[in-house]
Protein backbone atom coordinates (compact mmCIF):
# COMPACT_ATOMS: atom_id res chain seq x y z
CA MET A 1 18.56 -75.45 -90.55
CA ASN A 2 17.16 -75.32 -87.04
CA THR A 3 19.06 -76.81 -84.27
CA ARG A 4 17.77 -77.18 -80.63
CA PHE A 5 20.29 -76.79 -77.63
CA GLU A 6 18.82 -78.19 -74.42
CA PRO A 7 19.86 -77.05 -70.88
CA SER A 8 22.99 -78.90 -70.02
CA GLY A 9 24.74 -79.96 -66.87
CA ARG A 10 28.24 -78.71 -66.12
CA LEU A 11 30.71 -78.34 -68.97
CA ARG A 12 33.90 -80.29 -68.61
CA GLY A 13 37.03 -81.12 -70.92
CA GLU A 14 39.57 -79.71 -73.16
CA ILE A 15 39.30 -78.48 -76.88
CA THR A 16 41.60 -76.77 -79.30
CA ALA A 17 40.70 -73.45 -80.52
CA PRO A 18 39.87 -73.48 -84.49
CA PRO A 19 42.54 -71.59 -86.69
CA ASP A 20 42.11 -67.82 -86.58
CA LYS A 21 39.82 -66.35 -89.36
CA SER A 22 41.43 -62.91 -89.40
CA VAL A 23 44.89 -64.38 -89.67
CA SER A 24 43.94 -66.95 -92.24
CA HIS A 25 42.57 -64.32 -94.58
CA ARG A 26 45.66 -61.93 -94.33
CA ALA A 27 48.18 -64.61 -94.58
CA ALA A 28 46.58 -66.09 -97.75
CA LEU A 29 46.27 -62.63 -99.37
CA LEU A 30 49.84 -61.62 -98.58
CA ALA A 31 51.08 -65.07 -99.84
CA ALA A 32 49.37 -64.31 -103.32
CA MET A 33 51.45 -61.01 -103.41
CA HIS A 34 54.67 -63.22 -103.58
CA ASP A 35 56.05 -64.86 -106.74
CA GLN A 36 57.54 -67.74 -104.72
CA PRO A 37 55.43 -70.37 -102.56
CA VAL A 38 54.37 -69.56 -99.15
CA ARG A 39 53.26 -72.18 -96.83
CA VAL A 40 50.37 -71.20 -94.40
CA THR A 41 50.18 -73.74 -91.55
CA ASN A 42 46.94 -74.29 -89.58
CA TYR A 43 44.82 -72.45 -92.24
CA LEU A 44 41.18 -72.25 -91.31
CA ARG A 45 38.96 -74.46 -93.49
CA ALA A 46 35.65 -72.60 -93.33
CA ALA A 47 33.23 -70.93 -95.75
CA ASP A 48 34.80 -67.32 -95.48
CA THR A 49 38.37 -68.51 -95.84
CA THR A 50 37.60 -70.77 -98.67
CA SER A 51 36.10 -67.73 -100.48
CA THR A 52 39.63 -66.08 -100.05
CA LEU A 53 41.43 -69.05 -101.61
CA ASP A 54 39.02 -69.13 -104.50
CA ALA A 55 39.47 -65.29 -105.03
CA LEU A 56 43.15 -65.73 -105.24
CA ARG A 57 42.92 -68.45 -107.84
CA ALA A 58 40.71 -66.11 -109.82
CA LEU A 59 43.55 -63.60 -109.62
CA GLY A 60 46.13 -66.16 -110.96
CA ALA A 61 47.60 -67.71 -107.79
CA LEU A 62 48.39 -71.37 -107.40
CA VAL A 63 46.67 -72.77 -104.34
CA GLU A 64 47.37 -76.20 -102.84
CA VAL A 65 45.23 -77.31 -99.95
CA HIS A 66 46.82 -80.09 -97.98
CA GLU A 67 45.04 -82.59 -95.80
CA GLU A 68 47.07 -81.82 -92.58
CA GLY A 69 45.80 -78.20 -92.42
CA ASP A 70 48.36 -76.47 -94.69
CA VAL A 71 47.83 -74.26 -97.57
CA VAL A 72 50.65 -73.30 -100.07
CA VAL A 73 50.02 -70.32 -102.20
CA ARG A 74 52.03 -69.00 -105.12
CA GLY A 75 51.17 -65.74 -106.58
CA SER A 76 52.44 -63.65 -109.51
CA GLY A 77 54.02 -60.98 -107.52
CA LEU A 78 52.95 -57.64 -105.81
CA ARG A 79 51.98 -55.83 -108.91
CA GLU A 80 50.92 -58.65 -111.32
CA ALA A 81 47.55 -60.02 -110.27
CA ARG A 82 45.69 -61.25 -113.20
CA GLU A 83 42.25 -59.73 -114.35
CA ALA A 84 39.64 -62.28 -113.35
CA ASP A 85 37.29 -64.04 -115.73
CA GLY A 86 34.05 -62.37 -114.49
CA SER A 87 33.17 -61.12 -110.96
CA ILE A 88 35.45 -62.11 -108.07
CA ASP A 89 32.93 -63.84 -105.48
CA VAL A 90 33.66 -63.07 -101.85
CA GLY A 91 30.80 -65.06 -100.66
CA ASN A 92 30.06 -63.91 -97.04
CA ALA A 93 33.57 -62.78 -96.30
CA GLY A 94 33.54 -59.17 -95.26
CA THR A 95 37.14 -59.15 -94.46
CA LEU A 96 38.13 -60.35 -97.88
CA MET A 97 35.74 -57.66 -99.36
CA ARG A 98 37.46 -54.87 -97.62
CA LEU A 99 41.06 -55.86 -97.76
CA LEU A 100 41.34 -57.23 -101.36
CA PRO A 101 40.63 -53.86 -102.91
CA GLY A 102 43.74 -52.36 -101.37
CA TRP A 103 45.86 -54.83 -103.43
CA LEU A 104 43.82 -54.65 -106.52
CA ALA A 105 43.78 -50.89 -106.63
CA SER A 106 47.42 -50.87 -107.37
CA GLN A 107 47.20 -53.13 -110.41
CA ALA A 108 47.63 -50.36 -113.05
CA GLY A 109 45.43 -50.92 -116.21
CA ARG A 110 43.55 -53.75 -114.81
CA THR A 111 39.80 -53.91 -113.55
CA TYR A 112 38.12 -56.02 -111.10
CA THR A 113 34.53 -56.46 -109.90
CA LEU A 114 33.85 -57.91 -106.40
CA ASP A 115 30.42 -59.33 -105.51
CA GLY A 116 29.10 -61.63 -102.79
CA ASP A 117 25.96 -63.06 -101.34
CA ALA A 118 22.87 -61.30 -100.30
CA SER A 119 24.38 -60.43 -96.95
CA ILE A 120 27.42 -58.98 -98.48
CA ARG A 121 25.29 -56.76 -100.87
CA ARG A 122 24.02 -55.00 -97.67
CA ARG A 123 27.33 -54.21 -96.22
CA PRO A 124 28.81 -50.78 -97.16
CA VAL A 125 32.28 -50.42 -98.72
CA ASP A 126 32.41 -46.67 -98.79
CA ARG A 127 35.03 -46.70 -95.85
CA VAL A 128 37.52 -48.35 -98.18
CA VAL A 129 36.37 -46.51 -101.28
CA GLU A 130 37.20 -43.06 -99.88
CA PRO A 131 40.80 -43.60 -99.06
CA LEU A 132 41.57 -45.71 -102.14
CA GLU A 133 40.06 -42.88 -104.46
CA ARG A 134 42.41 -40.31 -102.57
CA MET A 135 45.22 -42.48 -103.49
CA GLY A 136 44.01 -42.16 -107.17
CA ALA A 137 42.06 -45.32 -107.72
CA ARG A 138 38.60 -45.18 -109.36
CA ILE A 139 35.86 -47.35 -107.77
CA GLU A 140 32.40 -47.65 -108.85
CA ALA A 141 29.90 -49.01 -106.06
CA THR A 142 26.24 -49.80 -106.34
CA ASP A 143 24.31 -46.95 -105.03
CA GLY A 144 27.66 -45.22 -104.20
CA ARG A 145 28.53 -47.60 -101.37
CA TYR A 146 27.49 -51.31 -101.67
CA PRO A 147 28.70 -54.32 -103.61
CA PRO A 148 28.94 -55.15 -106.33
CA PHE A 149 31.57 -52.81 -106.93
CA THR A 150 34.39 -52.30 -109.62
CA VAL A 151 37.95 -51.43 -108.82
CA HIS A 152 40.01 -49.72 -111.68
CA GLY A 153 43.85 -50.23 -110.87
CA VAL A 154 46.21 -47.38 -111.32
CA ARG A 155 49.62 -46.33 -110.26
CA LEU A 156 48.77 -45.10 -106.75
CA ARG A 157 49.97 -42.16 -104.72
CA SER A 158 50.70 -42.31 -100.96
CA ILE A 159 48.56 -40.53 -98.50
CA ALA A 160 48.33 -39.65 -94.96
CA TYR A 161 44.84 -40.87 -93.79
CA ASP A 162 42.89 -40.48 -90.50
CA LEU A 163 40.46 -43.22 -89.91
CA PRO A 164 37.10 -41.78 -88.94
CA VAL A 165 36.26 -45.02 -86.99
CA ALA A 166 38.73 -47.51 -85.67
CA SER A 167 38.73 -50.45 -88.22
CA ALA A 168 41.25 -53.00 -88.66
CA GLN A 169 39.81 -53.83 -92.10
CA VAL A 170 39.88 -50.30 -93.44
CA LYS A 171 43.36 -49.71 -92.04
CA SER A 172 44.73 -52.99 -93.67
CA CYS A 173 43.19 -52.05 -97.00
CA VAL A 174 45.02 -48.72 -97.04
CA LEU A 175 48.32 -50.43 -95.79
CA LEU A 176 48.23 -52.97 -98.50
CA ALA A 177 47.53 -50.19 -101.17
CA GLY A 178 50.52 -48.34 -99.78
CA LEU A 179 52.94 -51.22 -100.66
CA ALA A 180 52.80 -50.22 -104.35
CA ALA A 181 52.07 -46.54 -103.80
CA ASP A 182 54.59 -44.03 -104.71
CA GLY A 183 56.13 -43.23 -101.26
CA VAL A 184 55.20 -43.42 -97.43
CA THR A 185 51.60 -44.02 -96.54
CA THR A 186 50.25 -43.37 -93.18
CA VAL A 187 47.17 -44.48 -91.26
CA THR A 188 46.13 -42.75 -88.02
CA GLU A 189 43.62 -44.71 -85.86
CA PRO A 190 41.38 -42.92 -83.28
CA ALA A 191 41.80 -46.10 -81.12
CA PRO A 192 43.79 -49.20 -81.50
CA SER A 193 42.37 -52.03 -83.69
CA ARG A 194 43.81 -55.61 -84.36
CA ASP A 195 47.14 -55.50 -85.79
CA HIS A 196 47.58 -58.83 -87.58
CA THR A 197 48.24 -57.13 -90.94
CA GLU A 198 51.08 -55.08 -89.51
CA ARG A 199 52.72 -58.08 -87.77
CA LEU A 200 52.52 -60.13 -91.17
CA LEU A 201 53.93 -57.18 -93.09
CA ARG A 202 57.01 -56.87 -90.66
CA ALA A 203 57.31 -60.72 -90.85
CA ALA A 204 57.48 -60.19 -94.78
CA ALA A 205 60.44 -57.73 -94.46
CA VAL A 206 58.20 -54.70 -95.24
CA SER A 207 59.34 -51.34 -93.70
CA VAL A 208 56.36 -50.84 -91.37
CA HIS A 209 56.32 -48.61 -88.18
CA ARG A 210 53.98 -47.56 -85.49
CA ASP A 211 54.28 -44.32 -83.67
CA GLY A 212 51.46 -44.07 -81.14
CA ARG A 213 48.23 -44.16 -83.20
CA GLN A 214 49.98 -43.92 -86.53
CA VAL A 215 51.00 -46.82 -88.80
CA THR A 216 53.30 -46.10 -91.60
CA VAL A 217 54.15 -48.35 -94.53
CA THR A 218 56.82 -47.74 -97.16
CA ASN A 219 56.44 -48.98 -100.80
CA CYS A 220 58.51 -51.91 -101.87
CA ASP A 221 59.20 -54.05 -104.79
CA GLU A 222 58.36 -57.52 -103.45
CA LEU A 223 57.78 -59.31 -100.11
CA GLU A 224 59.82 -61.83 -98.39
CA LEU A 225 57.80 -64.51 -96.50
CA GLU A 226 58.35 -68.20 -96.56
CA SER A 227 55.74 -69.47 -93.95
CA VAL A 228 53.03 -68.33 -91.51
CA ARG A 229 51.51 -70.37 -88.71
CA VAL A 230 47.99 -69.32 -88.03
CA PRO A 231 47.12 -69.33 -84.24
CA GLY A 232 43.82 -70.41 -82.74
CA ASP A 233 40.96 -67.91 -82.97
CA ALA A 234 40.27 -65.88 -79.94
CA SER A 235 37.03 -64.86 -81.19
CA SER A 236 35.78 -68.45 -81.71
CA ALA A 237 37.34 -69.46 -78.31
CA ALA A 238 35.27 -66.73 -76.72
CA PHE A 239 32.08 -68.77 -77.20
CA MET A 240 33.56 -71.73 -75.17
CA VAL A 241 34.77 -69.27 -72.66
CA ALA A 242 31.25 -67.73 -72.30
CA ALA A 243 29.62 -71.15 -72.03
CA ALA A 244 31.85 -71.99 -69.10
CA ALA A 245 31.20 -68.66 -67.47
CA ILE A 246 27.35 -69.14 -67.32
CA VAL A 247 26.73 -72.80 -67.28
CA PRO A 248 26.82 -73.71 -63.39
CA ARG A 249 29.82 -75.64 -62.05
CA SER A 250 31.70 -75.76 -65.50
CA LYS A 251 35.47 -76.00 -65.84
CA ILE A 252 37.10 -76.26 -69.21
CA VAL A 253 40.47 -75.83 -70.99
CA VAL A 254 40.78 -74.11 -74.48
CA ARG A 255 44.16 -74.78 -76.12
CA ASP A 256 46.02 -72.94 -78.67
CA VAL A 257 44.28 -69.63 -78.39
CA GLY A 258 45.83 -66.59 -80.04
CA VAL A 259 46.22 -63.96 -77.30
CA ASN A 260 47.32 -61.06 -79.42
CA TRP A 261 46.60 -58.14 -77.06
CA THR A 262 44.39 -56.45 -79.76
CA ARG A 263 42.06 -59.53 -79.81
CA THR A 264 41.61 -60.36 -76.15
CA GLY A 265 39.26 -57.43 -75.21
CA PHE A 266 36.46 -59.89 -74.49
CA LEU A 267 38.48 -61.90 -72.17
CA ARG A 268 39.43 -58.75 -70.15
CA ILE A 269 35.70 -57.81 -69.94
CA ALA A 270 34.56 -61.31 -68.90
CA ALA A 271 37.27 -61.22 -66.26
CA ARG A 272 36.15 -57.81 -65.00
CA MET A 273 32.60 -59.21 -64.80
CA GLY A 274 33.77 -62.08 -62.54
CA ALA A 275 34.43 -64.89 -64.92
CA VAL A 276 37.63 -66.87 -63.89
CA VAL A 277 39.83 -66.98 -67.12
CA VAL A 278 43.37 -68.08 -66.48
CA GLY A 279 45.87 -67.81 -69.18
CA GLU A 280 49.12 -65.79 -70.26
CA LEU A 281 47.84 -62.89 -72.39
CA GLU A 282 49.98 -60.66 -74.34
CA GLU A 283 50.44 -57.18 -72.87
CA PRO A 284 50.12 -54.03 -75.04
CA VAL A 285 53.21 -53.75 -77.24
CA GLY A 286 53.40 -50.17 -77.49
CA ASP A 287 55.05 -48.84 -80.81
CA ASP A 288 56.85 -52.05 -81.34
CA ILE A 289 55.41 -54.31 -84.06
CA PRO A 290 56.10 -58.07 -83.32
CA THR A 291 56.25 -60.61 -85.99
CA ALA A 292 54.84 -63.37 -83.97
CA GLU A 293 51.22 -64.21 -82.89
CA PRO A 294 51.36 -65.23 -79.26
CA VAL A 295 49.26 -68.23 -78.08
CA SER A 296 48.08 -69.54 -74.66
CA GLU A 297 46.09 -72.19 -72.99
CA LEU A 298 42.92 -70.77 -71.27
CA ASP A 299 41.50 -72.32 -68.10
CA VAL A 300 37.87 -71.14 -67.57
CA ARG A 301 35.35 -71.94 -64.78
CA THR A 302 32.03 -70.52 -63.60
CA ALA A 303 31.78 -67.72 -61.03
CA PRO A 304 29.24 -65.25 -60.00
CA LEU A 305 29.03 -62.42 -62.69
CA ALA A 306 28.64 -58.51 -62.11
CA GLY A 307 27.44 -56.09 -64.69
CA THR A 308 30.07 -53.73 -66.27
CA VAL A 309 30.13 -50.88 -68.73
CA VAL A 310 32.02 -51.23 -71.97
CA GLU A 311 33.01 -47.91 -73.32
CA ALA A 312 33.85 -46.91 -77.01
CA ASP A 313 37.58 -47.22 -76.51
CA GLU A 314 37.17 -50.96 -75.65
CA VAL A 315 34.89 -51.77 -78.56
CA PRO A 316 37.41 -52.27 -81.45
CA LEU A 317 39.21 -55.00 -79.31
CA ALA A 318 36.17 -56.77 -78.71
CA ILE A 319 33.98 -55.99 -81.66
CA ASP A 320 33.03 -59.62 -82.73
CA GLU A 321 32.33 -60.72 -79.20
CA LEU A 322 30.01 -58.03 -77.97
CA PRO A 323 27.11 -60.27 -78.53
CA LEU A 324 28.62 -62.52 -75.80
CA VAL A 325 28.90 -59.50 -73.55
CA ALA A 326 25.13 -59.08 -73.67
CA LEU A 327 24.70 -62.69 -73.04
CA LEU A 328 26.88 -62.73 -69.94
CA GLY A 329 24.94 -59.47 -68.95
CA CYS A 330 21.78 -61.60 -68.70
CA PHE A 331 23.31 -63.84 -66.06
CA ALA A 332 25.14 -61.10 -64.15
CA GLU A 333 23.97 -59.07 -61.07
CA GLY A 334 23.14 -55.30 -62.07
CA GLU A 335 23.22 -53.68 -65.57
CA THR A 336 25.68 -54.26 -68.42
CA VAL A 337 25.95 -51.51 -70.86
CA VAL A 338 27.90 -51.38 -74.23
CA ARG A 339 28.50 -47.93 -75.86
CA GLY A 340 30.14 -46.67 -79.00
CA ALA A 341 29.48 -49.84 -80.99
CA ALA A 342 27.51 -48.47 -83.89
CA GLU A 343 29.81 -50.57 -85.95
CA LEU A 344 27.63 -53.56 -84.96
CA ARG A 345 24.93 -52.38 -87.31
CA VAL A 346 26.95 -53.05 -90.37
CA LYS A 347 28.28 -56.46 -89.53
CA GLU A 348 26.87 -59.82 -91.17
CA SER A 349 23.60 -58.53 -89.75
CA ASP A 350 22.55 -55.53 -87.65
CA ARG A 351 23.98 -57.17 -84.59
CA ILE A 352 22.48 -54.67 -82.19
CA ALA A 353 19.09 -55.44 -83.50
CA GLY A 354 19.87 -59.07 -83.74
CA VAL A 355 21.23 -59.49 -80.24
CA VAL A 356 18.57 -57.38 -78.63
CA GLU A 357 15.55 -59.04 -80.32
CA GLY A 358 17.22 -62.57 -80.06
CA LEU A 359 17.86 -62.39 -76.36
CA ARG A 360 14.57 -60.48 -75.52
CA GLY A 361 12.81 -63.48 -77.22
CA LEU A 362 14.60 -65.76 -74.68
CA GLY A 363 13.46 -63.74 -71.63
CA ALA A 364 16.20 -61.22 -71.42
CA SER A 365 15.62 -57.62 -70.20
CA ILE A 366 17.60 -55.82 -72.81
CA GLU A 367 17.20 -52.65 -74.76
CA ALA A 368 18.80 -51.13 -77.93
CA THR A 369 20.52 -47.98 -78.04
CA ASP A 370 21.79 -45.94 -81.13
CA ASP A 371 25.33 -47.35 -80.50
CA GLY A 372 24.89 -50.45 -78.36
CA PHE A 373 22.52 -52.00 -75.81
CA ALA A 374 21.81 -52.12 -72.04
CA VAL A 375 21.07 -55.48 -70.23
CA THR A 376 19.61 -55.62 -66.79
CA GLY A 377 20.62 -59.12 -65.42
CA THR A 378 17.85 -61.46 -64.25
CA GLY A 379 20.10 -64.33 -63.18
CA GLY A 380 19.32 -66.30 -66.38
CA LEU A 381 17.22 -66.92 -69.45
CA ARG A 382 14.08 -68.88 -69.87
CA GLY A 383 14.73 -70.07 -73.61
CA GLY A 384 12.78 -70.07 -76.77
CA THR A 385 13.73 -69.47 -80.39
CA LEU A 386 16.53 -67.29 -81.72
CA ASP A 387 16.93 -66.39 -85.37
CA ALA A 388 20.51 -66.14 -86.30
CA ARG A 389 19.76 -63.95 -89.42
CA GLY A 390 22.47 -65.67 -91.35
CA ASP A 391 25.00 -64.24 -88.70
CA HIS A 392 27.56 -66.93 -87.54
CA ARG A 393 28.17 -65.21 -84.22
CA LEU A 394 24.55 -64.92 -83.36
CA ALA A 395 23.94 -68.56 -84.12
CA MET A 396 26.76 -69.61 -81.86
CA ALA A 397 25.59 -67.08 -79.14
CA GLY A 398 22.21 -68.80 -79.38
CA ALA A 399 23.63 -72.20 -78.89
CA ILE A 400 25.45 -71.15 -75.83
CA ALA A 401 22.29 -69.51 -74.36
CA GLY A 402 20.46 -72.83 -74.86
CA LEU A 403 22.87 -74.64 -72.77
CA ALA A 404 22.54 -72.23 -69.85
CA SER A 405 18.70 -71.52 -70.16
CA ARG A 406 15.95 -73.22 -68.23
CA GLU A 407 13.99 -74.64 -71.22
CA GLY A 408 16.51 -74.75 -74.07
CA VAL A 409 16.90 -72.72 -77.27
CA GLU A 410 16.13 -73.56 -80.93
CA VAL A 411 18.41 -71.72 -83.21
CA VAL A 412 17.11 -70.84 -86.63
CA GLY A 413 19.94 -70.87 -89.28
CA MET A 414 22.53 -72.65 -87.19
CA GLU A 415 24.37 -73.65 -90.41
CA ALA A 416 25.75 -70.04 -90.37
CA ALA A 417 28.40 -71.05 -87.78
CA ALA A 418 30.33 -72.86 -90.51
CA VAL A 419 31.41 -69.42 -91.69
CA SER A 420 34.02 -69.10 -89.04
CA TYR A 421 33.80 -72.31 -86.86
CA PRO A 422 32.74 -75.41 -88.74
CA ARG A 423 33.16 -77.83 -85.98
CA PHE A 424 31.41 -75.70 -83.39
CA THR A 425 28.62 -78.06 -82.50
CA GLU A 426 30.98 -81.03 -82.36
CA ASP A 427 33.25 -79.11 -79.89
CA LEU A 428 30.42 -78.03 -77.73
CA SER A 429 29.01 -81.62 -77.58
CA ARG A 430 32.31 -82.95 -76.45
CA LEU A 431 32.35 -80.48 -73.46
CA VAL A 432 28.67 -81.22 -72.72
CA ALA A 433 29.17 -84.98 -72.85
CA ARG A 434 31.86 -84.74 -70.18
């Protein structure tokens, strides 16, 4: 589906951020590990998170979806996931594909095959295969590293694992496997990554601790969790923040934004570039692991932007929003450089190539590097056509570019936005209409 976004006047108004995709995935998955009902409030209704609910049903969980936005999940317990009838379809959900094997690997004597759409079949799973095999699981992947792949559950042994690249998904996979391993499992990160899994485990009365870059989980017999409230998604809200930052004379409010410090890297980068973003953001929590997900209201308005350099240690906390950093760089004075972001090449698409080719086609001065990109600000974008490549974040970035461009932007494949933000165009229209 092609959708055209014309240059707009100033943006005005208030919207509520959609529910957080990362937290929704994790909350539903932990709920399925219980043998008692768990209510997840404000669950995201999107393609990716629907894939999670369908996968849990295939594993024997009872799932009730309520009109008001709540989901109630009753599983069969930590070690009693049912063998599915056929392959488990993860759709386009990379988070589900990488977290679910951590639970399934501990289901001794049972076998599970995971598959997905064409995009998923291009996304490597070797980063979760390696630690799970060290814990004793046997995993057969296509060409050694791609879906479809089969997990053979066993009695797992605990390990101490050093992540080669900071990844919340791989960290979470190992921690979930550690719940049913034979002792204490430790994951060491080279840099902080989002900590939603640790917070949910703490809320579920699991013994989980952080010591600097190390996170340790102790095996348990059961989880204790009655309810979870999903906050608004900081990554989705970032698109509205970027729009208000580059469309002249804009001033908007985004309510109910999750401001967990491991998710607000983009907001800190945008503020450093000169964007006016006012809200109470969570400060780094050190070795403490809270159980709550903090939320805030963001007030955003347009201001002159200046280029910046995003180094590798900032990348894990802004990984999903780096296309927006490139977009802001087009409107900034000077050069904007992102380094240490090779992970972008194995997202829903090769996001480095997608962002560089997409924005260059709109008139940007941008070059790709092996692990990022460099943008020379020209004060704006001409407009044109941007192919989303089936990637929801490229689709939404193209739409925002259209509003701020001189001639408008036609986004090819705008339907991809429904993966994480089904009401994106509706919310954007409300701000433009004002």
